[in-house]
N, C-alpha and C. Protein backbone atom coordinates (compact mmCIF):
# COMPACT_ATOMS: atom_id res chain seq x y z
N MET A 1 44.86 133.86 -4.19
CA MET A 1 43.90 134.10 -3.15
C MET A 1 44.31 133.59 -1.77
N ALA A 2 44.24 134.37 -0.76
CA ALA A 2 44.56 133.95 0.65
C ALA A 2 43.69 132.90 0.99
N THR A 3 44.38 131.89 1.84
CA THR A 3 43.77 130.73 2.51
C THR A 3 44.33 130.43 3.75
N ILE A 4 43.85 129.53 4.48
CA ILE A 4 44.35 129.20 5.90
C ILE A 4 45.87 128.57 5.66
N TYR A 5 46.08 128.10 4.55
CA TYR A 5 47.20 127.56 4.10
C TYR A 5 48.47 128.33 4.43
N ASP A 6 48.11 129.75 4.18
CA ASP A 6 49.28 130.59 4.29
C ASP A 6 49.59 130.76 5.77
N LEU A 7 49.01 130.15 6.69
CA LEU A 7 49.45 130.34 7.99
C LEU A 7 50.34 129.14 8.42
N LYS A 8 50.56 128.27 7.38
CA LYS A 8 51.34 126.95 7.68
C LYS A 8 52.76 127.17 8.17
N PRO A 9 53.57 128.16 7.66
CA PRO A 9 54.88 128.31 8.14
C PRO A 9 55.01 128.53 9.68
N GLY A 10 54.05 129.46 10.14
CA GLY A 10 54.07 129.67 11.50
C GLY A 10 53.57 128.60 12.48
N PHE A 11 52.65 127.89 11.92
CA PHE A 11 52.11 126.67 12.61
C PHE A 11 53.30 125.61 12.58
N GLN A 12 53.95 125.32 11.47
CA GLN A 12 55.00 124.45 11.38
C GLN A 12 56.19 124.79 12.49
N ALA A 13 56.34 126.07 12.61
CA ALA A 13 57.41 126.45 13.42
C ALA A 13 57.28 126.17 14.84
N ARG A 14 55.94 126.15 15.36
CA ARG A 14 55.68 125.69 16.80
C ARG A 14 55.67 124.37 16.77
N LEU A 15 55.58 123.46 15.76
CA LEU A 15 55.42 122.00 15.76
C LEU A 15 56.86 121.32 15.56
N ARG A 16 57.76 122.27 15.01
CA ARG A 16 59.17 121.82 14.71
C ARG A 16 59.78 120.97 15.83
N PRO A 17 59.70 121.44 17.14
CA PRO A 17 60.31 120.52 18.31
C PRO A 17 59.70 119.15 18.40
N ALA A 18 58.42 119.12 18.05
CA ALA A 18 57.62 117.91 18.40
C ALA A 18 58.23 117.07 17.15
N ALA A 19 58.27 117.58 15.85
CA ALA A 19 58.86 116.63 14.78
C ALA A 19 60.23 116.15 15.00
N ALA A 20 61.05 117.02 15.54
CA ALA A 20 62.52 116.57 15.86
C ALA A 20 62.36 115.54 16.82
N TRP A 21 61.74 115.58 18.02
CA TRP A 21 61.59 114.67 18.91
C TRP A 21 61.11 113.25 18.43
N LEU A 22 60.11 113.24 17.51
CA LEU A 22 59.42 112.05 16.99
C LEU A 22 60.67 111.37 16.24
N ALA A 23 61.18 112.40 15.29
CA ALA A 23 62.26 111.69 14.45
C ALA A 23 63.42 111.00 15.23
N GLY A 24 63.84 111.84 16.47
CA GLY A 24 64.78 111.13 17.18
C GLY A 24 64.41 109.88 17.82
N ALA A 25 63.19 109.78 18.23
CA ALA A 25 62.79 108.52 18.79
C ALA A 25 62.51 107.36 17.86
N GLY A 26 62.61 107.73 16.62
CA GLY A 26 62.53 106.43 15.52
C GLY A 26 61.42 106.40 14.93
N VAL A 27 60.42 107.36 15.18
CA VAL A 27 59.14 107.34 14.57
C VAL A 27 59.20 107.90 13.04
N SER A 28 58.64 107.23 12.13
CA SER A 28 58.75 107.60 10.80
C SER A 28 57.63 108.72 10.42
N ALA A 29 57.82 109.46 9.38
CA ALA A 29 56.94 110.34 8.78
C ALA A 29 55.64 109.79 8.27
N ASN A 30 55.97 108.43 7.71
CA ASN A 30 54.81 107.77 7.15
C ASN A 30 53.86 107.30 8.33
N ALA A 31 54.44 106.90 9.45
CA ALA A 31 53.67 106.51 10.63
C ALA A 31 52.75 107.71 11.27
N VAL A 32 53.16 108.87 11.24
CA VAL A 32 52.53 109.96 11.52
C VAL A 32 51.38 110.19 10.64
N THR A 33 51.74 110.11 9.18
CA THR A 33 50.65 110.21 8.13
C THR A 33 49.54 109.24 8.48
N PHE A 34 49.90 107.91 8.71
CA PHE A 34 48.99 106.89 8.89
C PHE A 34 48.17 107.14 10.06
N ALA A 35 48.82 107.56 11.25
CA ALA A 35 48.01 108.08 12.51
C ALA A 35 46.99 108.96 12.25
N ALA A 36 47.27 110.06 11.42
CA ALA A 36 46.38 111.06 11.06
C ALA A 36 45.10 110.32 10.35
N LEU A 37 45.42 109.46 9.47
CA LEU A 37 44.41 108.83 8.60
C LEU A 37 43.56 108.07 9.65
N VAL A 38 44.12 107.27 10.39
CA VAL A 38 43.29 106.41 11.36
C VAL A 38 42.48 107.28 12.24
N LEU A 39 43.07 108.26 12.77
CA LEU A 39 42.24 109.29 13.53
C LEU A 39 40.92 109.66 12.76
N SER A 40 41.30 110.19 11.52
CA SER A 40 40.10 110.73 10.79
C SER A 40 39.04 109.66 10.50
N ILE A 41 39.42 108.44 10.17
CA ILE A 41 38.38 107.35 9.96
C ILE A 41 37.65 107.06 11.25
N ALA A 42 38.34 106.93 12.39
CA ALA A 42 37.56 106.80 13.60
C ALA A 42 36.61 107.89 13.95
N GLN A 43 37.10 109.07 13.82
CA GLN A 43 36.09 110.19 13.90
C GLN A 43 34.78 110.27 12.99
N GLY A 44 35.13 109.96 11.81
CA GLY A 44 34.15 109.74 10.76
C GLY A 44 33.13 108.80 11.12
N THR A 45 33.71 107.45 11.61
CA THR A 45 32.90 106.38 11.86
C THR A 45 32.01 106.61 13.10
N TRP A 46 32.40 107.35 13.98
CA TRP A 46 31.70 107.70 15.18
C TRP A 46 30.41 108.64 14.89
N LEU A 47 30.78 109.52 13.96
CA LEU A 47 29.73 110.39 13.64
C LEU A 47 28.76 109.62 12.70
N ALA A 48 29.18 108.76 11.86
CA ALA A 48 28.24 107.96 10.86
C ALA A 48 27.44 107.05 11.85
N LEU A 49 27.79 106.62 12.85
CA LEU A 49 27.13 105.83 13.86
C LEU A 49 25.98 106.31 14.60
N ILE A 50 26.37 107.69 15.08
CA ILE A 50 25.28 108.40 15.70
C ILE A 50 25.13 109.84 15.29
N PRO A 51 24.74 109.84 14.08
CA PRO A 51 24.64 111.13 13.43
C PRO A 51 23.66 112.32 14.18
N SER A 52 22.84 111.74 14.99
CA SER A 52 22.06 112.79 15.60
C SER A 52 22.53 113.14 16.91
N SER A 53 23.75 112.68 17.42
CA SER A 53 24.28 113.07 18.68
C SER A 53 25.27 114.31 18.46
N PRO A 54 25.14 115.16 19.46
CA PRO A 54 26.08 116.34 19.32
C PRO A 54 27.35 116.08 19.74
N TRP A 55 27.71 114.99 20.32
CA TRP A 55 29.15 114.81 20.86
C TRP A 55 30.10 114.66 19.71
N PRO A 56 29.96 113.66 18.58
CA PRO A 56 30.93 113.48 17.64
C PRO A 56 31.00 114.80 16.76
N LEU A 57 30.02 115.62 16.81
CA LEU A 57 30.06 116.96 16.18
C LEU A 57 30.74 117.88 16.84
N PHE A 58 30.73 117.96 18.12
CA PHE A 58 31.54 119.09 19.03
C PHE A 58 33.15 118.50 19.05
N LEU A 59 33.36 117.19 18.89
CA LEU A 59 34.71 116.65 18.98
C LEU A 59 35.33 116.84 17.59
N LEU A 60 34.55 117.00 16.49
CA LEU A 60 35.18 117.02 15.11
C LEU A 60 36.17 118.28 14.97
N PRO A 61 36.02 119.48 15.51
CA PRO A 61 37.03 120.53 15.32
C PRO A 61 38.33 120.13 16.03
N VAL A 62 38.12 119.48 17.19
CA VAL A 62 39.45 119.16 17.80
C VAL A 62 40.06 117.96 17.00
N THR A 63 39.40 116.98 16.39
CA THR A 63 40.01 116.16 15.52
C THR A 63 40.63 116.71 14.48
N LEU A 64 40.05 117.61 13.89
CA LEU A 64 40.53 118.24 12.53
C LEU A 64 41.80 119.01 12.90
N PHE A 65 41.89 119.77 14.17
CA PHE A 65 42.97 120.38 14.49
C PHE A 65 44.30 119.49 14.68
N VAL A 66 43.94 118.32 15.34
CA VAL A 66 45.03 117.34 15.66
C VAL A 66 45.52 116.75 14.22
N ARG A 67 44.54 116.37 13.49
CA ARG A 67 44.82 116.04 12.05
C ARG A 67 45.88 117.00 11.35
N MET A 68 45.23 118.39 11.41
CA MET A 68 46.14 119.26 10.82
C MET A 68 47.66 119.27 11.33
N ALA A 69 47.67 119.15 12.65
CA ALA A 69 49.02 119.20 13.29
C ALA A 69 49.75 117.95 12.95
N LEU A 70 49.31 116.77 12.89
CA LEU A 70 49.90 115.73 12.34
C LEU A 70 50.43 115.71 11.00
N ASN A 71 49.62 116.25 10.12
CA ASN A 71 50.01 116.59 8.64
C ASN A 71 51.14 117.56 8.72
N ALA A 72 51.22 118.61 9.42
CA ALA A 72 52.39 119.47 9.45
C ALA A 72 53.63 118.82 9.83
N ILE A 73 53.47 117.93 11.02
CA ILE A 73 54.60 117.16 11.55
C ILE A 73 55.22 116.21 10.61
N ASP A 74 54.44 115.46 9.83
CA ASP A 74 54.90 114.46 9.01
C ASP A 74 55.76 115.24 7.78
N GLY A 75 55.34 116.45 7.37
CA GLY A 75 55.92 117.17 6.42
C GLY A 75 57.28 117.67 6.91
N LEU A 76 57.30 118.12 8.22
CA LEU A 76 58.52 118.57 8.65
C LEU A 76 59.56 117.35 8.74
N MET A 77 59.12 116.24 9.16
CA MET A 77 59.96 115.13 9.33
C MET A 77 60.44 114.69 7.93
N ALA A 78 59.57 114.78 6.94
CA ALA A 78 60.10 114.47 5.62
C ALA A 78 61.17 115.42 5.17
N LYS A 79 60.90 116.50 5.22
CA LYS A 79 61.76 117.61 4.56
C LYS A 79 63.08 117.82 5.39
N GLU A 80 62.89 117.79 6.69
CA GLU A 80 63.96 118.24 7.72
C GLU A 80 64.75 117.16 8.20
N HIS A 81 64.25 115.93 8.12
CA HIS A 81 65.00 114.68 8.98
C HIS A 81 65.16 113.60 7.97
N GLY A 82 65.31 113.98 6.73
CA GLY A 82 65.73 112.98 5.58
C GLY A 82 64.69 111.93 5.37
N GLN A 83 63.55 112.02 5.70
CA GLN A 83 62.55 110.93 5.54
C GLN A 83 61.70 110.93 4.41
N ALA A 84 61.98 111.88 3.50
CA ALA A 84 61.17 111.96 2.19
C ALA A 84 61.25 110.87 1.24
N SER A 85 60.30 110.41 0.65
CA SER A 85 60.40 109.12 -0.15
C SER A 85 59.14 109.28 -1.04
N PRO A 86 59.39 108.57 -2.27
CA PRO A 86 58.03 108.44 -3.13
C PRO A 86 56.95 107.74 -2.57
N HIS A 87 57.22 106.73 -1.66
CA HIS A 87 56.14 106.01 -0.98
C HIS A 87 55.21 106.99 -0.16
N GLY A 88 56.00 107.87 0.64
CA GLY A 88 55.64 108.77 1.46
C GLY A 88 54.73 109.75 0.80
N ALA A 89 55.31 110.22 -0.41
CA ALA A 89 54.47 111.29 -1.05
C ALA A 89 53.08 110.67 -1.56
N VAL A 90 53.18 109.54 -2.04
CA VAL A 90 52.05 108.79 -2.35
C VAL A 90 50.96 108.74 -1.24
N LEU A 91 51.54 108.12 -0.26
CA LEU A 91 50.66 107.95 1.05
C LEU A 91 50.09 109.34 1.52
N ASN A 92 50.75 110.35 1.53
CA ASN A 92 50.39 111.63 1.87
C ASN A 92 49.27 112.14 1.04
N GLU A 93 49.20 112.22 -0.27
CA GLU A 93 48.24 112.59 -1.17
C GLU A 93 47.03 111.72 -1.01
N LEU A 94 47.23 110.36 -1.00
CA LEU A 94 45.87 109.60 -0.84
C LEU A 94 45.34 109.60 0.47
N SER A 95 46.03 109.65 1.62
CA SER A 95 45.48 109.81 2.72
C SER A 95 44.77 110.93 3.10
N ASP A 96 45.20 112.15 2.51
CA ASP A 96 44.48 113.31 2.68
C ASP A 96 42.98 113.12 1.91
N VAL A 97 42.79 112.66 0.90
CA VAL A 97 41.46 112.58 0.21
C VAL A 97 40.61 111.58 0.92
N ILE A 98 41.26 110.36 1.38
CA ILE A 98 40.55 109.46 2.16
C ILE A 98 40.05 109.98 3.45
N ALA A 99 40.99 110.70 4.07
CA ALA A 99 40.64 111.26 5.39
C ALA A 99 39.33 112.32 5.16
N ASP A 100 39.49 113.10 4.30
CA ASP A 100 38.45 114.14 3.96
C ASP A 100 37.09 113.40 3.80
N ALA A 101 37.16 112.30 3.04
CA ALA A 101 35.86 111.57 2.83
C ALA A 101 35.28 111.03 4.00
N ALA A 102 36.24 110.42 4.90
CA ALA A 102 35.71 109.78 6.05
C ALA A 102 35.28 110.95 7.02
N LEU A 103 35.79 111.84 7.12
CA LEU A 103 35.51 112.88 7.92
C LEU A 103 34.08 113.70 7.56
N TYR A 104 33.90 113.95 6.35
CA TYR A 104 32.88 114.76 5.96
C TYR A 104 31.64 114.06 5.40
N LEU A 105 31.76 112.96 4.77
CA LEU A 105 30.69 112.22 4.20
C LEU A 105 29.61 111.87 5.13
N PRO A 106 30.10 111.64 6.43
CA PRO A 106 29.03 111.26 7.48
C PRO A 106 27.99 112.33 7.69
N PHE A 107 28.32 113.66 7.38
CA PHE A 107 27.34 114.68 7.49
C PHE A 107 25.97 114.39 6.58
N ALA A 108 26.28 113.64 5.56
CA ALA A 108 25.09 113.24 4.67
C ALA A 108 24.17 112.36 5.55
N LEU A 109 24.45 111.78 6.68
CA LEU A 109 23.59 111.04 7.38
C LEU A 109 22.90 111.86 8.41
N ILE A 110 23.05 113.03 8.59
CA ILE A 110 22.50 113.79 9.66
C ILE A 110 21.13 114.18 9.20
N PRO A 111 20.00 113.87 9.95
CA PRO A 111 18.82 114.27 9.26
C PRO A 111 18.71 115.75 9.04
N GLY A 112 18.16 116.05 7.88
CA GLY A 112 17.89 117.37 7.36
C GLY A 112 18.89 117.92 6.74
N VAL A 113 20.18 117.16 6.63
CA VAL A 113 21.26 117.88 5.73
C VAL A 113 21.20 117.10 4.48
N SER A 114 21.37 118.02 3.26
CA SER A 114 21.29 117.30 1.96
C SER A 114 22.40 116.45 1.69
N PRO A 115 22.11 115.19 1.51
CA PRO A 115 23.14 113.91 1.12
C PRO A 115 23.89 114.40 -0.17
N GLY A 116 23.06 114.77 -1.06
CA GLY A 116 23.76 115.12 -2.58
C GLY A 116 24.53 116.10 -2.36
N LEU A 117 24.36 117.17 -1.71
CA LEU A 117 25.17 118.41 -1.58
C LEU A 117 26.41 118.04 -0.76
N VAL A 118 26.29 117.23 0.23
CA VAL A 118 27.54 116.80 0.91
C VAL A 118 28.49 116.17 0.09
N ALA A 119 27.86 115.12 -0.64
CA ALA A 119 28.71 114.26 -1.45
C ALA A 119 29.40 114.96 -2.62
N LEU A 120 28.55 115.95 -3.01
CA LEU A 120 29.33 116.80 -4.12
C LEU A 120 30.38 117.63 -3.61
N VAL A 121 30.26 118.16 -2.33
CA VAL A 121 31.38 119.02 -1.67
C VAL A 121 32.59 118.11 -1.67
N VAL A 122 32.44 116.93 -0.99
CA VAL A 122 33.47 115.93 -0.90
C VAL A 122 34.12 115.62 -2.17
N VAL A 123 33.33 115.37 -3.31
CA VAL A 123 34.02 114.90 -4.59
C VAL A 123 34.69 116.19 -5.01
N ALA A 124 34.08 117.28 -4.99
CA ALA A 124 34.79 118.59 -5.54
C ALA A 124 36.07 118.82 -4.64
N GLY A 125 36.13 118.58 -3.47
CA GLY A 125 37.40 118.62 -2.47
C GLY A 125 38.44 117.60 -3.19
N VAL A 126 38.07 116.32 -3.42
CA VAL A 126 39.00 115.44 -3.90
C VAL A 126 39.53 115.98 -5.27
N ILE A 127 38.69 116.40 -6.09
CA ILE A 127 39.21 116.87 -7.43
C ILE A 127 40.08 118.13 -7.22
N ALA A 128 39.81 118.97 -6.27
CA ALA A 128 40.73 120.05 -5.92
C ALA A 128 42.07 119.54 -5.58
N GLU A 129 42.19 118.75 -4.69
CA GLU A 129 43.28 118.05 -4.43
C GLU A 129 44.30 117.43 -5.49
N MET A 130 43.39 116.62 -6.17
CA MET A 130 44.06 115.93 -7.36
C MET A 130 44.62 116.93 -8.38
N ALA A 131 43.81 118.12 -8.55
CA ALA A 131 44.12 119.18 -9.45
C ALA A 131 45.47 119.72 -9.01
N GLY A 132 45.62 120.11 -7.61
CA GLY A 132 46.83 120.55 -7.07
C GLY A 132 48.17 119.64 -7.23
N ALA A 133 47.72 118.27 -7.17
CA ALA A 133 48.87 117.41 -7.37
C ALA A 133 49.28 117.08 -8.71
N LEU A 134 48.57 117.66 -9.72
CA LEU A 134 49.00 117.40 -11.07
C LEU A 134 50.29 118.17 -11.34
N GLY A 135 50.54 119.13 -10.66
CA GLY A 135 51.66 120.06 -11.05
C GLY A 135 53.16 119.28 -11.48
N PRO A 136 53.52 118.49 -10.42
CA PRO A 136 54.82 117.89 -10.89
C PRO A 136 54.71 116.94 -12.05
N MET A 137 53.57 116.64 -12.59
CA MET A 137 53.49 115.76 -13.65
C MET A 137 53.88 116.43 -14.89
N ILE A 138 53.70 117.94 -14.91
CA ILE A 138 54.11 118.66 -16.02
C ILE A 138 55.03 119.54 -15.65
N LYS A 139 55.96 119.21 -14.61
CA LYS A 139 57.11 120.04 -14.30
C LYS A 139 56.79 121.34 -13.69
N ALA A 140 55.68 121.36 -12.86
CA ALA A 140 55.20 122.63 -12.16
C ALA A 140 55.24 122.28 -10.72
N SER A 141 54.85 123.05 -9.91
CA SER A 141 55.00 122.75 -8.39
C SER A 141 53.63 122.29 -8.03
N ARG A 142 53.54 121.68 -6.83
CA ARG A 142 52.33 121.14 -6.19
C ARG A 142 51.46 122.52 -5.73
N ARG A 143 50.23 122.71 -6.26
CA ARG A 143 49.55 123.83 -5.90
C ARG A 143 48.75 123.60 -4.72
N TYR A 144 48.49 124.79 -3.91
CA TYR A 144 47.79 124.79 -2.72
C TYR A 144 46.78 126.18 -2.92
N ASP A 145 46.47 126.64 -3.97
CA ASP A 145 45.72 127.70 -4.09
C ASP A 145 44.26 127.51 -3.59
N GLY A 146 43.70 128.77 -3.15
CA GLY A 146 42.35 128.60 -2.72
C GLY A 146 41.31 128.92 -3.66
N PRO A 147 40.31 129.45 -3.43
CA PRO A 147 39.78 129.77 -1.97
C PRO A 147 39.47 128.67 -0.96
N LEU A 148 39.24 127.36 -1.32
CA LEU A 148 38.98 126.34 -0.43
C LEU A 148 39.88 125.08 -0.49
N GLY A 149 40.96 125.31 0.05
CA GLY A 149 42.01 124.26 0.29
C GLY A 149 41.56 123.35 1.33
N LYS A 150 42.56 122.39 1.65
CA LYS A 150 42.29 121.37 2.60
C LYS A 150 42.12 121.95 4.07
N SER A 151 42.85 122.95 4.50
CA SER A 151 42.72 123.54 5.69
C SER A 151 41.32 124.48 5.71
N ASP A 152 40.98 125.14 4.81
CA ASP A 152 39.80 125.90 4.60
C ASP A 152 38.51 125.09 4.71
N ARG A 153 38.54 123.78 4.01
CA ARG A 153 37.51 122.80 4.15
C ARG A 153 37.30 122.45 5.75
N ALA A 154 38.44 122.10 6.23
CA ALA A 154 38.42 121.89 7.74
C ALA A 154 37.86 122.77 8.51
N LEU A 155 38.02 124.04 8.29
CA LEU A 155 37.57 125.16 9.12
C LEU A 155 36.09 125.28 8.84
N ALA A 156 35.70 125.08 7.57
CA ALA A 156 34.14 125.14 7.18
C ALA A 156 33.38 124.02 7.75
N PHE A 157 33.95 122.89 7.63
CA PHE A 157 33.13 121.78 8.38
C PHE A 157 33.28 121.65 9.78
N GLY A 158 34.28 122.14 10.43
CA GLY A 158 34.39 122.22 11.73
C GLY A 158 33.32 123.26 12.19
N LEU A 159 32.98 124.41 11.62
CA LEU A 159 32.28 125.35 12.02
C LEU A 159 30.74 124.86 11.67
N LEU A 160 30.54 124.20 10.61
CA LEU A 160 29.27 123.46 10.55
C LEU A 160 28.98 122.32 11.62
N ALA A 161 29.93 121.75 11.97
CA ALA A 161 29.66 120.68 13.16
C ALA A 161 29.34 121.44 14.47
N VAL A 162 30.02 122.52 14.80
CA VAL A 162 29.75 123.17 15.90
C VAL A 162 28.24 123.74 15.97
N LEU A 163 27.89 124.43 14.77
CA LEU A 163 26.56 124.91 14.72
C LEU A 163 25.53 123.95 14.87
N LEU A 164 25.62 122.77 14.26
CA LEU A 164 24.65 121.63 14.35
C LEU A 164 24.77 121.08 15.75
N GLY A 165 25.89 120.95 16.20
CA GLY A 165 26.11 120.45 17.73
C GLY A 165 25.32 121.28 18.61
N LEU A 166 25.30 122.64 18.42
CA LEU A 166 24.66 123.54 19.28
C LEU A 166 23.08 123.48 19.31
N GLY A 167 22.70 122.71 18.22
CA GLY A 167 21.26 122.54 18.16
C GLY A 167 20.43 123.18 17.17
N LEU A 168 21.32 123.99 16.13
CA LEU A 168 20.63 124.59 14.95
C LEU A 168 20.14 123.47 14.10
N SER A 169 18.94 123.60 13.70
CA SER A 169 18.16 122.56 12.91
C SER A 169 18.51 122.71 11.46
N PRO A 170 19.08 121.58 10.89
CA PRO A 170 19.39 121.66 9.49
C PRO A 170 18.24 122.06 8.55
N GLY A 171 18.57 122.64 7.47
CA GLY A 171 17.37 123.05 6.60
C GLY A 171 17.89 123.85 5.36
N LEU A 172 17.29 125.02 5.01
CA LEU A 172 17.68 125.68 3.84
C LEU A 172 19.17 126.26 4.08
N TRP A 173 19.35 126.70 5.35
CA TRP A 173 20.74 127.33 5.73
C TRP A 173 21.79 126.28 5.51
N THR A 174 21.76 125.02 5.86
CA THR A 174 22.64 124.10 5.48
C THR A 174 22.91 123.82 4.09
N SER A 175 21.88 123.71 3.22
CA SER A 175 21.89 123.77 1.85
C SER A 175 22.67 124.72 1.24
N VAL A 176 22.31 125.93 1.57
CA VAL A 176 22.96 127.21 1.05
C VAL A 176 24.61 127.12 1.45
N TYR A 177 24.78 126.82 2.59
CA TYR A 177 26.14 126.71 3.28
C TYR A 177 26.96 125.67 2.45
N LEU A 178 26.47 124.55 2.15
CA LEU A 178 27.00 123.54 1.37
C LEU A 178 27.17 124.00 -0.03
N ALA A 179 26.30 124.75 -0.54
CA ALA A 179 26.28 125.16 -2.03
C ALA A 179 27.45 125.97 -2.30
N VAL A 180 27.69 127.00 -1.15
CA VAL A 180 28.65 127.95 -1.31
C VAL A 180 30.10 127.22 -1.14
N LEU A 181 30.21 126.21 -0.22
CA LEU A 181 31.53 125.47 -0.25
C LEU A 181 31.76 124.69 -1.55
N LEU A 182 30.54 124.32 -2.38
CA LEU A 182 30.77 123.74 -3.59
C LEU A 182 31.33 124.55 -4.75
N ALA A 183 30.62 125.79 -4.64
CA ALA A 183 30.99 126.75 -5.48
C ALA A 183 32.56 127.34 -5.43
N LEU A 184 32.92 127.40 -4.02
CA LEU A 184 34.42 127.71 -3.71
C LEU A 184 35.26 126.62 -4.08
N SER A 185 34.83 125.40 -4.07
CA SER A 185 35.55 124.25 -4.37
C SER A 185 35.93 124.23 -6.04
N ALA A 186 34.80 124.70 -6.59
CA ALA A 186 34.92 124.59 -7.99
C ALA A 186 35.91 125.83 -8.59
N ILE A 187 35.77 126.81 -7.91
CA ILE A 187 36.85 128.04 -8.18
C ILE A 187 38.10 127.61 -7.77
N THR A 188 38.30 126.71 -6.80
CA THR A 188 39.64 126.38 -6.23
C THR A 188 40.30 125.37 -7.38
N VAL A 189 39.42 124.48 -7.91
CA VAL A 189 39.97 123.60 -9.02
C VAL A 189 40.41 124.44 -10.28
N ILE A 190 39.85 125.36 -10.57
CA ILE A 190 40.02 126.23 -11.78
C ILE A 190 41.27 127.07 -11.55
N ASN A 191 41.43 127.65 -10.36
CA ASN A 191 42.78 128.43 -9.96
C ASN A 191 43.84 127.47 -10.09
N ARG A 192 43.74 126.25 -9.46
CA ARG A 192 44.93 125.47 -9.43
C ARG A 192 45.32 124.98 -10.68
N ALA A 193 44.25 124.51 -11.45
CA ALA A 193 44.63 124.09 -12.87
C ALA A 193 45.22 125.24 -13.80
N ARG A 194 44.70 126.45 -13.71
CA ARG A 194 45.29 127.57 -14.51
C ARG A 194 46.68 127.83 -14.10
N ARG A 195 46.94 127.86 -12.61
CA ARG A 195 48.29 128.29 -12.42
C ARG A 195 49.23 127.25 -12.55
N ILE A 196 48.87 126.00 -12.62
CA ILE A 196 49.80 124.85 -12.83
C ILE A 196 50.31 124.93 -14.38
N VAL A 197 49.17 125.19 -15.36
CA VAL A 197 49.45 125.31 -16.71
C VAL A 197 50.38 126.53 -16.97
N ALA A 198 50.08 127.76 -16.25
CA ALA A 198 50.74 128.84 -16.49
C ALA A 198 52.29 128.72 -15.99
N GLU A 199 52.42 128.00 -14.97
CA GLU A 199 53.85 127.74 -14.47
C GLU A 199 54.47 126.90 -15.49
N ALA A 200 53.85 125.83 -15.88
CA ALA A 200 54.65 124.99 -16.79
C ALA A 200 54.88 125.61 -18.08
N LYS A 201 54.09 126.42 -18.66
CA LYS A 201 54.47 127.36 -19.86
C LYS A 201 55.71 128.18 -19.52
N ALA A 202 55.75 128.79 -18.44
CA ALA A 202 56.71 129.58 -18.11
C ALA A 202 58.20 129.04 -17.94
């Protein structure tokens, strides 16, 4: 199933010069990964502190885009500049789920948004990422199947942030929106698990 992740090669191609420059300047891929994590936590903290303000909501899509760029750059630095390491692989997986939680859980504090549904969507996202990461444990590849991978979640929450920032009052529509994300996350977990098992058997 097609996801925004399919656009990654083209996105990386545009960021390759930046990755080469950072590597040449002595910056490590792990430092870039950590910077993306710190940025995400700062953005999430801002939203959590003033959940009724439109400003952190409007800035969220920008933060999500910068985070995506940093994630692409650290991958390029690891693969193309000899910086891949077990430590980096673990940091990358853990920072992704921590950043997702930091960025999206504060939506539960917005008056009128269902805290339970927000929490369930975040937990389902964590499960989806961990499901994808199980591949190498059984000699299969790391899976990024959709329909709601990391980049797709970023788009979904970025859109939600803009709509709320523009003044749309939370209510039934936000609950339906989050319920759809939850269902798509569940399908993503199933897709990744099935394809990992199928690849391992093959």
